[in-house]
Amino acid sequence: MDTEKFRLLLEEERARKLALLPALRADIASANAARHNSNVDDEHDPEGATIAFELSQASALLDQSRSGLAEVDAALERIGAGTYGICAVCGEQIAEGRLEARPWTPFCIRHTGGRA
């Protein structure tokens, strides 16, 4: 397996995720500012529900991005440790096609268990 190819893919993905974080933080700050700068009753004002939804959505995206970044970082650590491409459950080689689709995965297709 060409580990260097996967290191490059992971580093590119890491850069994309890092670039996305400031924009998500700005979205959260903007939604918070809109919420605090208005006399909105979230339960009874249609605009209040929109602000609450935008804040909730931006927060969820930020959490997903942080989680994805942690998965990428863990995969890069596995490359450094020489354990990249080995299933964390069964210890068998992860298919290269699976790693091409999800280079950060620590699981073979059999042990995905709802994870990808």
PDB file of N, CA and C in Angstrom:
ATOM      1  N   MET A   1       0.844  -1.178   0.000  1.00  0.00           N
ATOM      2  CA  MET A   1       0.000   0.000   0.000  1.00  0.00           C
ATOM      3  C   MET A   1       0.889   1.242   0.000  1.00  0.00           C
ATOM      4  N   ASP A   2       0.466   2.224  -0.770  1.00  0.00           N
ATOM      5  CA  ASP A   2       1.199   3.480  -0.886  1.00  0.00           C
ATOM      6  C   ASP A   2       0.752   4.431   0.224  1.00  0.00           C
ATOM      7  N   THR A   3       1.371   4.333   1.381  1.00  0.00           N
ATOM      8  CA  THR A   3       0.998   5.145   2.539  1.00  0.00           C
ATOM      9  C   THR A   3       1.193   6.633   2.271  1.00  0.00           C
ATOM     10  N   GLU A   4       2.182   6.970   1.480  1.00  0.00           N
ATOM     11  CA  GLU A   4       2.436   8.384   1.177  1.00  0.00           C
ATOM     12  C   GLU A   4       1.249   9.006   0.436  1.00  0.00           C
ATOM     13  N   LYS A   5       0.632   8.247  -0.455  1.00  0.00           N
ATOM     14  CA  LYS A   5      -0.545   8.726  -1.175  1.00  0.00           C
ATOM     15  C   LYS A   5      -1.661   9.083  -0.185  1.00  0.00           C
ATOM     16  N   PHE A   6      -1.847   8.224   0.812  1.00  0.00           N
ATOM     17  CA  PHE A   6      -2.898   8.469   1.797  1.00  0.00           C
ATOM     18  C   PHE A   6      -2.526   9.611   2.744  1.00  0.00           C
ATOM     19  N   ARG A   7      -1.258   9.745   3.044  1.00  0.00           N
ATOM     20  CA  ARG A   7      -0.818  10.881   3.863  1.00  0.00           C
ATOM     21  C   ARG A   7      -1.174  12.198   3.162  1.00  0.00           C
ATOM     22  N   LEU A   8      -0.926  12.255   1.857  1.00  0.00           N
ATOM     23  CA  LEU A   8      -1.252  13.463   1.090  1.00  0.00           C
ATOM     24  C   LEU A   8      -2.754  13.721   1.078  1.00  0.00           C
ATOM     25  N   LEU A   9      -3.553  12.667   0.856  1.00  0.00           N
ATOM     26  CA  LEU A   9      -5.012  12.819   0.887  1.00  0.00           C
ATOM     27  C   LEU A   9      -5.484  13.336   2.247  1.00  0.00           C
ATOM     28  N   LEU A  10      -4.931  12.777   3.298  1.00  0.00           N
ATOM     29  CA  LEU A  10      -5.322  13.183   4.645  1.00  0.00           C
ATOM     30  C   LEU A  10      -4.890  14.615   4.955  1.00  0.00           C
ATOM     31  N   GLU A  11      -3.709  14.976   4.521  1.00  0.00           N
ATOM     32  CA  GLU A  11      -3.246  16.345   4.761  1.00  0.00           C
ATOM     33  C   GLU A  11      -4.097  17.354   3.993  1.00  0.00           C
ATOM     34  N   GLU A  12      -4.530  16.997   2.779  1.00  0.00           N
ATOM     35  CA  GLU A  12      -5.425  17.874   2.013  1.00  0.00           C
ATOM     36  C   GLU A  12      -6.777  18.005   2.722  1.00  0.00           C
ATOM     37  N   GLU A  13      -7.301  16.891   3.201  1.00  0.00           N
ATOM     38  CA  GLU A  13      -8.577  16.918   3.921  1.00  0.00           C
ATOM     39  C   GLU A  13      -8.454  17.734   5.211  1.00  0.00           C
ATOM     40  N   ARG A  14      -7.334  17.591   5.887  1.00  0.00           N
ATOM     41  CA  ARG A  14      -7.101  18.354   7.117  1.00  0.00           C
ATOM     42  C   ARG A  14      -7.089  19.857   6.825  1.00  0.00           C
ATOM     43  N   ALA A  15      -6.435  20.233   5.748  1.00  0.00           N
ATOM     44  CA  ALA A  15      -6.382  21.653   5.365  1.00  0.00           C
ATOM     45  C   ALA A  15      -7.776  22.180   5.038  1.00  0.00           C
ATOM     46  N   ARG A  16      -8.591  21.375   4.341  1.00  0.00           N
ATOM     47  CA  ARG A  16      -9.965  21.790   4.027  1.00  0.00           C
ATOM     48  C   ARG A  16     -10.778  21.993   5.295  1.00  0.00           C
ATOM     49  N   LYS A  17     -10.647  21.060   6.220  1.00  0.00           N
ATOM     50  CA  LYS A  17     -11.416  21.165   7.464  1.00  0.00           C
ATOM     51  C   LYS A  17     -10.951  22.350   8.302  1.00  0.00           C
ATOM     52  N   LEU A  18      -9.653  22.577   8.361  1.00  0.00           N
ATOM     53  CA  LEU A  18      -9.146  23.730   9.109  1.00  0.00           C
ATOM     54  C   LEU A  18      -9.612  25.050   8.495  1.00  0.00           C
ATOM     55  N   ALA A  19      -9.692  25.101   7.176  1.00  0.00           N
ATOM     56  CA  ALA A  19     -10.143  26.319   6.500  1.00  0.00           C
ATOM     57  C   ALA A  19     -11.627  26.574   6.756  1.00  0.00           C
ATOM     58  N   LEU A  20     -12.398  25.530   6.963  1.00  0.00           N
ATOM     59  CA  LEU A  20     -13.828  25.659   7.179  1.00  0.00           C
ATOM     60  C   LEU A  20     -14.164  26.152   8.592  1.00  0.00           C
ATOM     61  N   LEU A  21     -13.345  25.830   9.564  1.00  0.00           N
ATOM     62  CA  LEU A  21     -13.653  26.163  10.961  1.00  0.00           C
ATOM     63  C   LEU A  21     -13.886  27.659  11.200  1.00  0.00           C
ATOM     64  N   PRO A  22     -13.040  28.565  10.712  1.00  0.00           N
ATOM     65  CA  PRO A  22     -13.290  29.993  10.962  1.00  0.00           C
ATOM     66  C   PRO A  22     -14.621  30.471  10.384  1.00  0.00           C
ATOM     67  N   ALA A  23     -15.003  29.965   9.217  1.00  0.00           N
ATOM     68  CA  ALA A  23     -16.275  30.364   8.620  1.00  0.00           C
ATOM     69  C   ALA A  23     -17.445  29.894   9.479  1.00  0.00           C
ATOM     70  N   LEU A  24     -17.353  28.692  10.012  1.00  0.00           N
ATOM     71  CA  LEU A  24     -18.419  28.190  10.875  1.00  0.00           C
ATOM     72  C   LEU A  24     -18.488  28.984  12.172  1.00  0.00           C
ATOM     73  N   ARG A  25     -17.334  29.315  12.723  1.00  0.00           N
ATOM     74  CA  ARG A  25     -17.322  30.148  13.937  1.00  0.00           C
ATOM     75  C   ARG A  25     -17.932  31.519  13.660  1.00  0.00           C
ATOM     76  N   ALA A  26     -17.643  32.071  12.493  1.00  0.00           N
ATOM     77  CA  ALA A  26     -18.216  33.374  12.117  1.00  0.00           C
ATOM     78  C   ALA A  26     -19.734  33.271  11.965  1.00  0.00           C
ATOM     79  N   ASP A  27     -20.219  32.166  11.398  1.00  0.00           N
ATOM     80  CA  ASP A  27     -21.660  31.968  11.278  1.00  0.00           C
ATOM     81  C   ASP A  27     -22.321  31.925  12.655  1.00  0.00           C
ATOM     82  N   ILE A  28     -21.684  31.257  13.589  1.00  0.00           N
ATOM     83  CA  ILE A  28     -22.227  31.171  14.952  1.00  0.00           C
ATOM     84  C   ILE A  28     -22.225  32.544  15.606  1.00  0.00           C
ATOM     85  N   ALA A  29     -21.138  33.275  15.445  1.00  0.00           N
ATOM     86  CA  ALA A  29     -21.061  34.617  16.023  1.00  0.00           C
ATOM     87  C   ALA A  29     -22.119  35.522  15.413  1.00  0.00           C
ATOM     88  N   SER A  30     -22.338  35.407  14.121  1.00  0.00           N
ATOM     89  CA  SER A  30     -23.342  36.218  13.438  1.00  0.00           C
ATOM     90  C   SER A  30     -24.749  35.886  13.937  1.00  0.00           C
ATOM     91  N   ALA A  31     -25.053  34.606  14.075  1.00  0.00           N
ATOM     92  CA  ALA A  31     -26.371  34.197  14.573  1.00  0.00           C
ATOM     93  C   ALA A  31     -26.573  34.648  16.016  1.00  0.00           C
ATOM     94  N   ASN A  32     -25.527  34.535  16.828  1.00  0.00           N
ATOM     95  CA  ASN A  32     -25.617  35.005  18.209  1.00  0.00           C
ATOM     96  C   ASN A  32     -25.841  36.513  18.265  1.00  0.00           C
ATOM     97  N   ALA A  33     -25.135  37.242  17.409  1.00  0.00           N
ATOM     98  CA  ALA A  33     -25.299  38.697  17.381  1.00  0.00           C
ATOM     99  C   ALA A  33     -26.718  39.056  16.953  1.00  0.00           C
ATOM    100  N   ALA A  34     -27.248  38.363  15.960  1.00  0.00           N
ATOM    101  CA  ALA A  34     -28.615  38.631  15.511  1.00  0.00           C
ATOM    102  C   ALA A  34     -29.614  38.335  16.616  1.00  0.00           C
ATOM    103  N   ARG A  35     -29.346  37.296  17.363  1.00  0.00           N
ATOM    104  CA  ARG A  35     -30.241  36.917  18.463  1.00  0.00           C
ATOM    105  C   ARG A  35     -30.192  37.958  19.581  1.00  0.00           C
ATOM    106  N   HIS A  36     -28.997  38.430  19.919  1.00  0.00           N
ATOM    107  CA  HIS A  36     -28.844  39.373  21.034  1.00  0.00           C
ATOM    108  C   HIS A  36     -29.225  40.798  20.661  1.00  0.00           C
ATOM    109  N   ASN A  37     -29.146  41.128  19.376  1.00  0.00           N
ATOM    110  CA  ASN A  37     -29.440  42.487  18.942  1.00  0.00           C
ATOM    111  C   ASN A  37     -30.906  42.700  18.593  1.00  0.00           C
ATOM    112  N   SER A  38     -31.723  41.724  18.872  1.00  0.00           N
ATOM    113  CA  SER A  38     -33.147  41.883  18.575  1.00  0.00           C
ATOM    114  C   SER A  38     -33.961  41.518  19.803  1.00  0.00           C
ATOM    115  N   ASN A  39     -35.180  41.949  19.801  1.00  0.00           N
ATOM    116  CA  ASN A  39     -36.101  41.614  20.884  1.00  0.00           C
ATOM    117  C   ASN A  39     -36.959  40.439  20.441  1.00  0.00           C
ATOM    118  N   VAL A  40     -36.316  39.401  20.049  1.00  0.00           N
ATOM    119  CA  VAL A  40     -37.008  38.258  19.466  1.00  0.00           C
ATOM    120  C   VAL A  40     -37.443  37.295  20.561  1.00  0.00           C
ATOM    121  N   ASP A  41     -38.668  36.879  20.457  1.00  0.00           N
ATOM    122  CA  ASP A  41     -39.210  35.816  21.288  1.00  0.00           C
ATOM    123  C   ASP A  41     -39.160  34.562  20.423  1.00  0.00           C
ATOM    124  N   ASP A  42     -38.150  33.731  20.621  1.00  0.00           N
ATOM    125  CA  ASP A  42     -37.922  32.576  19.742  1.00  0.00           C
ATOM    126  C   ASP A  42     -39.151  31.689  19.574  1.00  0.00           C
ATOM    127  N   GLU A  43     -39.965  31.584  20.600  1.00  0.00           N
ATOM    128  CA  GLU A  43     -41.104  30.684  20.521  1.00  0.00           C
ATOM    129  C   GLU A  43     -42.263  31.246  19.722  1.00  0.00           C
ATOM    130  N   HIS A  44     -42.402  32.571  19.681  1.00  0.00           N
ATOM    131  CA  HIS A  44     -43.588  33.162  19.074  1.00  0.00           C
ATOM    132  C   HIS A  44     -43.312  34.024  17.850  1.00  0.00           C
ATOM    133  N   ASP A  45     -42.085  34.339  17.588  1.00  0.00           N
ATOM    134  CA  ASP A  45     -41.738  35.184  16.440  1.00  0.00           C
ATOM    135  C   ASP A  45     -41.158  34.308  15.339  1.00  0.00           C
ATOM    136  N   PRO A  46     -41.727  34.356  14.151  1.00  0.00           N
ATOM    137  CA  PRO A  46     -41.198  33.509  13.062  1.00  0.00           C
ATOM    138  C   PRO A  46     -39.720  33.743  12.777  1.00  0.00           C
ATOM    139  N   GLU A  47     -39.250  34.972  12.890  1.00  0.00           N
ATOM    140  CA  GLU A  47     -37.833  35.273  12.657  1.00  0.00           C
ATOM    141  C   GLU A  47     -36.968  34.659  13.754  1.00  0.00           C
ATOM    142  N   GLY A  48     -37.472  34.608  14.961  1.00  0.00           N
ATOM    143  CA  GLY A  48     -36.721  34.006  16.070  1.00  0.00           C
ATOM    144  C   GLY A  48     -36.429  32.543  15.827  1.00  0.00           C
ATOM    145  N   ALA A  49     -37.399  31.837  15.273  1.00  0.00           N
ATOM    146  CA  ALA A  49     -37.187  30.422  14.962  1.00  0.00           C
ATOM    147  C   ALA A  49     -36.093  30.264  13.908  1.00  0.00           C
ATOM    148  N   THR A  50     -36.030  31.176  12.952  1.00  0.00           N
ATOM    149  CA  THR A  50     -35.001  31.118  11.914  1.00  0.00           C
ATOM    150  C   THR A  50     -33.620  31.329  12.515  1.00  0.00           C
ATOM    151  N   ILE A  51     -33.496  32.300  13.400  1.00  0.00           N
ATOM    152  CA  ILE A  51     -32.208  32.562  14.051  1.00  0.00           C
ATOM    153  C   ILE A  51     -31.786  31.355  14.877  1.00  0.00           C
ATOM    154  N   ALA A  52     -32.714  30.791  15.642  1.00  0.00           N
ATOM    155  CA  ALA A  52     -32.399  29.618  16.466  1.00  0.00           C
ATOM    156  C   ALA A  52     -31.970  28.444  15.585  1.00  0.00           C
ATOM    157  N   PHE A  53     -32.668  28.261  14.443  1.00  0.00           N
ATOM    158  CA  PHE A  53     -32.313  27.176  13.534  1.00  0.00           C
ATOM    159  C   PHE A  53     -30.917  27.387  12.954  1.00  0.00           C
ATOM    160  N   GLU A  54     -30.636  28.606  12.521  1.00  0.00           N
ATOM    161  CA  GLU A  54     -29.316  28.899  11.941  1.00  0.00           C
ATOM    162  C   GLU A  54     -28.208  28.666  12.963  1.00  0.00           C
ATOM    163  N   LEU A  55     -28.446  29.069  14.191  1.00  0.00           N
ATOM    164  CA  LEU A  55     -27.457  28.862  15.254  1.00  0.00           C
ATOM    165  C   LEU A  55     -27.258  27.372  15.515  1.00  0.00           C
ATOM    166  N   SER A  56     -28.350  26.643  15.573  1.00  0.00           N
ATOM    167  CA  SER A  56     -28.273  25.200  15.811  1.00  0.00           C
ATOM    168  C   SER A  56     -27.554  24.498  14.668  1.00  0.00           C
ATOM    169  N   GLN A  57     -27.871  24.881  13.436  1.00  0.00           N
ATOM    170  CA  GLN A  57     -27.242  24.262  12.274  1.00  0.00           C
ATOM    171  C   GLN A  57     -25.744  24.561  12.220  1.00  0.00           C
ATOM    172  N   ALA A  58     -25.369  25.815  12.450  1.00  0.00           N
ATOM    173  CA  ALA A  58     -23.952  26.179  12.426  1.00  0.00           C
ATOM    174  C   ALA A  58     -23.187  25.465  13.536  1.00  0.00           C
ATOM    175  N   SER A  59     -23.807  25.341  14.703  1.00  0.00           N
ATOM    176  CA  SER A  59     -23.154  24.637  15.821  1.00  0.00           C
ATOM    177  C   SER A  59     -22.953  23.168  15.501  1.00  0.00           C
ATOM    178  N   ALA A  60     -23.959  22.547  14.885  1.00  0.00           N
ATOM    179  CA  ALA A  60     -23.839  21.132  14.512  1.00  0.00           C
ATOM    180  C   ALA A  60     -22.746  20.940  13.460  1.00  0.00           C
ATOM    181  N   LEU A  61     -22.679  21.832  12.478  1.00  0.00           N
ATOM    182  CA  LEU A  61     -21.632  21.739  11.458  1.00  0.00           C
ATOM    183  C   LEU A  61     -20.241  21.935  12.057  1.00  0.00           C
ATOM    184  N   LEU A  62     -20.128  22.839  13.022  1.00  0.00           N
ATOM    185  CA  LEU A  62     -18.842  23.042  13.689  1.00  0.00           C
ATOM    186  C   LEU A  62     -18.436  21.778  14.446  1.00  0.00           C
ATOM    187  N   ASP A  63     -19.382  21.170  15.159  1.00  0.00           N
ATOM    188  CA  ASP A  63     -19.084  19.924  15.878  1.00  0.00           C
ATOM    189  C   ASP A  63     -18.662  18.819  14.919  1.00  0.00           C
ATOM    190  N   GLN A  64     -19.367  18.704  13.780  1.00  0.00           N
ATOM    191  CA  GLN A  64     -19.010  17.680  12.788  1.00  0.00           C
ATOM    192  C   GLN A  64     -17.619  17.932  12.211  1.00  0.00           C
ATOM    193  N   SER A  65     -17.305  19.188  11.960  1.00  0.00           N
ATOM    194  CA  SER A  65     -15.989  19.515  11.406  1.00  0.00           C
ATOM    195  C   SER A  65     -14.882  19.202  12.401  1.00  0.00           C
ATOM    196  N   ARG A  66     -15.110  19.523  13.655  1.00  0.00           N
ATOM    197  CA  ARG A  66     -14.114  19.199  14.696  1.00  0.00           C
ATOM    198  C   ARG A  66     -13.921  17.699  14.819  1.00  0.00           C
ATOM    199  N   SER A  67     -15.023  16.963  14.788  1.00  0.00           N
ATOM    200  CA  SER A  67     -14.950  15.508  14.874  1.00  0.00           C
ATOM    201  C   SER A  67     -14.208  14.932  13.666  1.00  0.00           C
ATOM    202  N   GLY A  68     -14.519  15.446  12.480  1.00  0.00           N
ATOM    203  CA  GLY A  68     -13.834  15.000  11.272  1.00  0.00           C
ATOM    204  C   GLY A  68     -12.354  15.306  11.313  1.00  0.00           C
ATOM    205  N   LEU A  69     -12.012  16.465  11.845  1.00  0.00           N
ATOM    206  CA  LEU A  69     -10.606  16.838  11.978  1.00  0.00           C
ATOM    207  C   LEU A  69      -9.892  15.876  12.933  1.00  0.00           C
ATOM    208  N   ALA A  70     -10.551  15.506  14.009  1.00  0.00           N
ATOM    209  CA  ALA A  70      -9.962  14.552  14.956  1.00  0.00           C
ATOM    210  C   ALA A  70      -9.743  13.186  14.292  1.00  0.00           C
ATOM    211  N   GLU A  71     -10.682  12.766  13.431  1.00  0.00           N
ATOM    212  CA  GLU A  71     -10.523  11.495  12.724  1.00  0.00           C
ATOM    213  C   GLU A  71      -9.340  11.545  11.760  1.00  0.00           C
ATOM    214  N   VAL A  72      -9.190  12.660  11.066  1.00  0.00           N
ATOM    215  CA  VAL A  72      -8.067  12.828  10.141  1.00  0.00           C
ATOM    216  C   VAL A  72      -6.752  12.833  10.909  1.00  0.00           C
ATOM    217  N   ASP A  73      -6.708  13.565  12.019  1.00  0.00           N
ATOM    218  CA  ASP A  73      -5.492  13.608  12.837  1.00  0.00           C
ATOM    219  C   ASP A  73      -5.131  12.218  13.359  1.00  0.00           C
ATOM    220  N   ALA A  74      -6.142  11.455  13.770  1.00  0.00           N
ATOM    221  CA  ALA A  74      -5.886  10.096  14.265  1.00  0.00           C
ATOM    222  C   ALA A  74      -5.329   9.212  13.150  1.00  0.00           C
ATOM    223  N   ALA A  75      -5.845   9.376  11.931  1.00  0.00           N
ATOM    224  CA  ALA A  75      -5.330   8.593  10.798  1.00  0.00           C
ATOM    225  C   ALA A  75      -3.877   8.961  10.509  1.00  0.00           C
ATOM    226  N   LEU A  76      -3.558  10.248  10.572  1.00  0.00           N
ATOM    227  CA  LEU A  76      -2.164  10.679  10.365  1.00  0.00           C
ATOM    228  C   LEU A  76      -1.257  10.102  11.457  1.00  0.00           C
ATOM    229  N   GLU A  77      -1.763  10.012  12.675  1.00  0.00           N
ATOM    230  CA  GLU A  77      -0.983   9.392  13.763  1.00  0.00           C
ATOM    231  C   GLU A  77      -0.763   7.910  13.484  1.00  0.00           C
ATOM    232  N   ARG A  78      -1.786   7.244  12.938  1.00  0.00           N
ATOM    233  CA  ARG A  78      -1.619   5.817  12.608  1.00  0.00           C
ATOM    234  C   ARG A  78      -0.569   5.633  11.520  1.00  0.00           C
ATOM    235  N   ILE A  79      -0.514   6.565  10.581  1.00  0.00           N
ATOM    236  CA  ILE A  79       0.535   6.481   9.556  1.00  0.00           C
ATOM    237  C   ILE A  79       1.895   6.572  10.231  1.00  0.00           C
ATOM    238  N   GLY A  80       2.042   7.528  11.130  1.00  0.00           N
ATOM    239  CA  GLY A  80       3.309   7.692  11.848  1.00  0.00           C
ATOM    240  C   GLY A  80       3.684   6.483  12.692  1.00  0.00           C
ATOM    241  N   ALA A  81       2.656   5.820  13.239  1.00  0.00           N
ATOM    242  CA  ALA A  81       2.896   4.652  14.092  1.00  0.00           C
ATOM    243  C   ALA A  81       3.054   3.364  13.299  1.00  0.00           C
ATOM    244  N   GLY A  82       2.796   3.426  11.983  1.00  0.00           N
ATOM    245  CA  GLY A  82       2.914   2.224  11.162  1.00  0.00           C
ATOM    246  C   GLY A  82       1.698   1.309  11.245  1.00  0.00           C
ATOM    247  N   THR A  83       0.577   1.801  11.759  1.00  0.00           N
ATOM    248  CA  THR A  83      -0.621   0.974  11.894  1.00  0.00           C
ATOM    249  C   THR A  83      -1.740   1.407  10.958  1.00  0.00           C
ATOM    250  N   TYR A  84      -1.442   2.326  10.060  1.00  0.00           N
ATOM    251  CA  TYR A  84      -2.463   2.812   9.132  1.00  0.00           C
ATOM    252  C   TYR A  84      -2.883   1.697   8.189  1.00  0.00           C
ATOM    253  N   GLY A  85      -4.192   1.607   7.948  1.00  0.00           N
ATOM    254  CA  GLY A  85      -4.705   0.602   7.026  1.00  0.00           C
ATOM    255  C   GLY A  85      -4.961  -0.741   7.673  1.00  0.00           C
ATOM    256  N   ILE A  86      -4.829  -0.803   8.985  1.00  0.00           N
ATOM    257  CA  ILE A  86      -5.096  -2.030   9.723  1.00  0.00           C
ATOM    258  C   ILE A  86      -6.346  -1.792  10.567  1.00  0.00           C
ATOM    259  N   CYS A  87      -7.346  -2.669  10.441  1.00  0.00           N
ATOM    260  CA  CYS A  87      -8.609  -2.521  11.156  1.00  0.00           C
ATOM    261  C   CYS A  87      -8.380  -2.529  12.661  1.00  0.00           C
ATOM    262  N   ALA A  88      -8.974  -1.550  13.344  1.00  0.00           N
ATOM    263  CA  ALA A  88      -8.830  -1.427  14.788  1.00  0.00           C
ATOM    264  C   ALA A  88      -9.570  -2.531  15.542  1.00  0.00           C
ATOM    265  N   VAL A  89     -10.461  -3.265  14.863  1.00  0.00           N
ATOM    266  CA  VAL A  89     -11.218  -4.334  15.515  1.00  0.00           C
ATOM    267  C   VAL A  89     -10.569  -5.696  15.289  1.00  0.00           C
ATOM    268  N   CYS A  90     -10.360  -6.050  14.012  1.00  0.00           N
ATOM    269  CA  CYS A  90      -9.894  -7.407  13.716  1.00  0.00           C
ATOM    270  C   CYS A  90      -8.401  -7.495  13.394  1.00  0.00           C
ATOM    271  N   GLY A  91      -7.764  -6.359  13.139  1.00  0.00           N
ATOM    272  CA  GLY A  91      -6.345  -6.365  12.842  1.00  0.00           C
ATOM    273  C   GLY A  91      -6.006  -6.741  11.416  1.00  0.00           C
ATOM    274  N   GLU A  92      -7.028  -6.916  10.574  1.00  0.00           N
ATOM    275  CA  GLU A  92      -6.784  -7.248   9.175  1.00  0.00           C
ATOM    276  C   GLU A  92      -6.591  -5.967   8.360  1.00  0.00           C
ATOM    277  N   GLN A  93      -6.013  -6.146   7.177  1.00  0.00           N
ATOM    278  CA  GLN A  93      -5.777  -5.026   6.272  1.00  0.00           C
ATOM    279  C   GLN A  93      -7.108  -4.446   5.812  1.00  0.00           C
ATOM    280  N   ILE A  94      -7.228  -3.114   5.814  1.00  0.00           N
ATOM    281  CA  ILE A  94      -8.405  -2.431   5.275  1.00  0.00           C
ATOM    282  C   ILE A  94      -8.209  -2.343   3.763  1.00  0.00           C
ATOM    283  N   ALA A  95      -9.265  -2.666   3.013  1.00  0.00           N
ATOM    284  CA  ALA A  95      -9.176  -2.646   1.552  1.00  0.00           C
ATOM    285  C   ALA A  95      -8.776  -1.254   1.070  1.00  0.00           C
ATOM    286  N   GLU A  96      -7.886  -1.220   0.093  1.00  0.00           N
ATOM    287  CA  GLU A  96      -7.383   0.048  -0.416  1.00  0.00           C
ATOM    288  C   GLU A  96      -8.511   0.912  -0.985  1.00  0.00           C
ATOM    289  N   GLY A  97      -9.495   0.286  -1.608  1.00  0.00           N
ATOM    290  CA  GLY A  97     -10.638   1.031  -2.130  1.00  0.00           C
ATOM    291  C   GLY A  97     -11.405   1.750  -1.032  1.00  0.00           C
ATOM    292  N   ARG A  98     -11.532   1.099   0.108  1.00  0.00           N
ATOM    293  CA  ARG A  98     -12.200   1.736   1.256  1.00  0.00           C
ATOM    294  C   ARG A  98     -11.372   2.919   1.745  1.00  0.00           C
ATOM    295  N   LEU A  99     -10.070   2.758   1.806  1.00  0.00           N
ATOM    296  CA  LEU A  99      -9.205   3.853   2.251  1.00  0.00           C
ATOM    297  C   LEU A  99      -9.207   5.000   1.248  1.00  0.00           C
ATOM    298  N   GLU A 100      -9.371   4.691  -0.026  1.00  0.00           N
ATOM    299  CA  GLU A 100      -9.456   5.760  -1.014  1.00  0.00           C
ATOM    300  C   GLU A 100     -10.739   6.568  -0.831  1.00  0.00           C
ATOM    301  N   ALA A 101     -11.833   5.886  -0.454  1.00  0.00           N
ATOM    302  CA  ALA A 101     -13.108   6.559  -0.235  1.00  0.00           C
ATOM    303  C   ALA A 101     -13.128   7.303   1.100  1.00  0.00           C
ATOM    304  N   ARG A 102     -12.562   6.707   2.122  1.00  0.00           N
ATOM    305  CA  ARG A 102     -12.544   7.282   3.468  1.00  0.00           C
ATOM    306  C   ARG A 102     -11.169   7.057   4.093  1.00  0.00           C
ATOM    307  N   PRO A 103     -10.207   7.870   3.709  1.00  0.00           N
ATOM    308  CA  PRO A 103      -8.831   7.615   4.156  1.00  0.00           C
ATOM    309  C   PRO A 103      -8.637   7.711   5.671  1.00  0.00           C
ATOM    310  N   TRP A 104      -9.574   8.267   6.383  1.00  0.00           N
ATOM    311  CA  TRP A 104      -9.447   8.428   7.837  1.00  0.00           C
ATOM    312  C   TRP A 104     -10.025   7.244   8.616  1.00  0.00           C
ATOM    313  N   THR A 105     -10.676   6.291   7.938  1.00  0.00           N
ATOM    314  CA  THR A 105     -11.342   5.221   8.668  1.00  0.00           C
ATOM    315  C   THR A 105     -10.352   4.289   9.368  1.00  0.00           C
ATOM    316  N   PRO A 106     -10.654   3.898  10.611  1.00  0.00           N
ATOM    317  CA  PRO A 106      -9.822   2.904  11.292  1.00  0.00           C
ATOM    318  C   PRO A 106     -10.421   1.495  11.213  1.00  0.00           C
ATOM    319  N   PHE A 107     -11.503   1.319  10.407  1.00  0.00           N
ATOM    320  CA  PHE A 107     -12.225   0.058  10.372  1.00  0.00           C
ATOM    321  C   PHE A 107     -12.317  -0.509   8.960  1.00  0.00           C
ATOM    322  N   CYS A 108     -12.225  -1.825   8.876  1.00  0.00           N
ATOM    323  CA  CYS A 108     -12.514  -2.503   7.617  1.00  0.00           C
ATOM    324  C   CYS A 108     -14.021  -2.432   7.399  1.00  0.00           C
ATOM    325  N   ILE A 109     -14.470  -2.779   6.210  1.00  0.00           N
ATOM    326  CA  ILE A 109     -15.883  -2.663   5.886  1.00  0.00           C
ATOM    327  C   ILE A 109     -16.725  -3.562   6.782  1.00  0.00           C
ATOM    328  N   ARG A 110     -16.201  -4.696   7.173  1.00  0.00           N
ATOM    329  CA  ARG A 110     -16.927  -5.628   8.022  1.00  0.00           C
ATOM    330  C   ARG A 110     -17.158  -5.070   9.419  1.00  0.00           C
ATOM    331  N   HIS A 111     -16.258  -4.230   9.906  1.00  0.00           N
ATOM    332  CA  HIS A 111     -16.360  -3.724  11.278  1.00  0.00           C
ATOM    333  C   HIS A 111     -16.725  -2.245  11.355  1.00  0.00           C
ATOM    334  N   THR A 112     -17.322  -1.759  10.313  1.00  0.00           N
ATOM    335  CA  THR A 112     -17.719  -0.345  10.306  1.00  0.00           C
ATOM    336  C   THR A 112     -18.718  -0.081  11.420  1.00  0.00           C
ATOM    337  N   GLY A 113     -19.660  -0.955  11.626  1.00  0.00           N
ATOM    338  CA  GLY A 113     -20.606  -0.822  12.727  1.00  0.00           C
ATOM    339  C   GLY A 113     -21.334   0.516  12.748  1.00  0.00           C
ATOM    340  N   GLY A 114     -21.753   0.994  11.588  1.00  0.00           N
ATOM    341  CA  GLY A 114     -22.431   2.273  11.521  1.00  0.00           C
ATOM    342  C   GLY A 114     -21.485   3.439  11.371  1.00  0.00           C
ATOM    343  N   ARG A 115     -20.207   3.186  11.498  1.00  0.00           N
ATOM    344  CA  ARG A 115     -19.212   4.244  11.310  1.00  0.00           C
ATOM    345  C   ARG A 115     -18.685   4.180   9.891  1.00  0.00           C
ATOM    346  N   ALA A 116     -18.221   5.339   9.430  1.00  0.00           N
ATOM    347  CA  ALA A 116     -17.618   5.327   8.092  1.00  0.00           C
ATOM    348  C   ALA A 116     -16.419   6.217   8.054  1.00  0.00           C
TER     349      ALA A 116
END
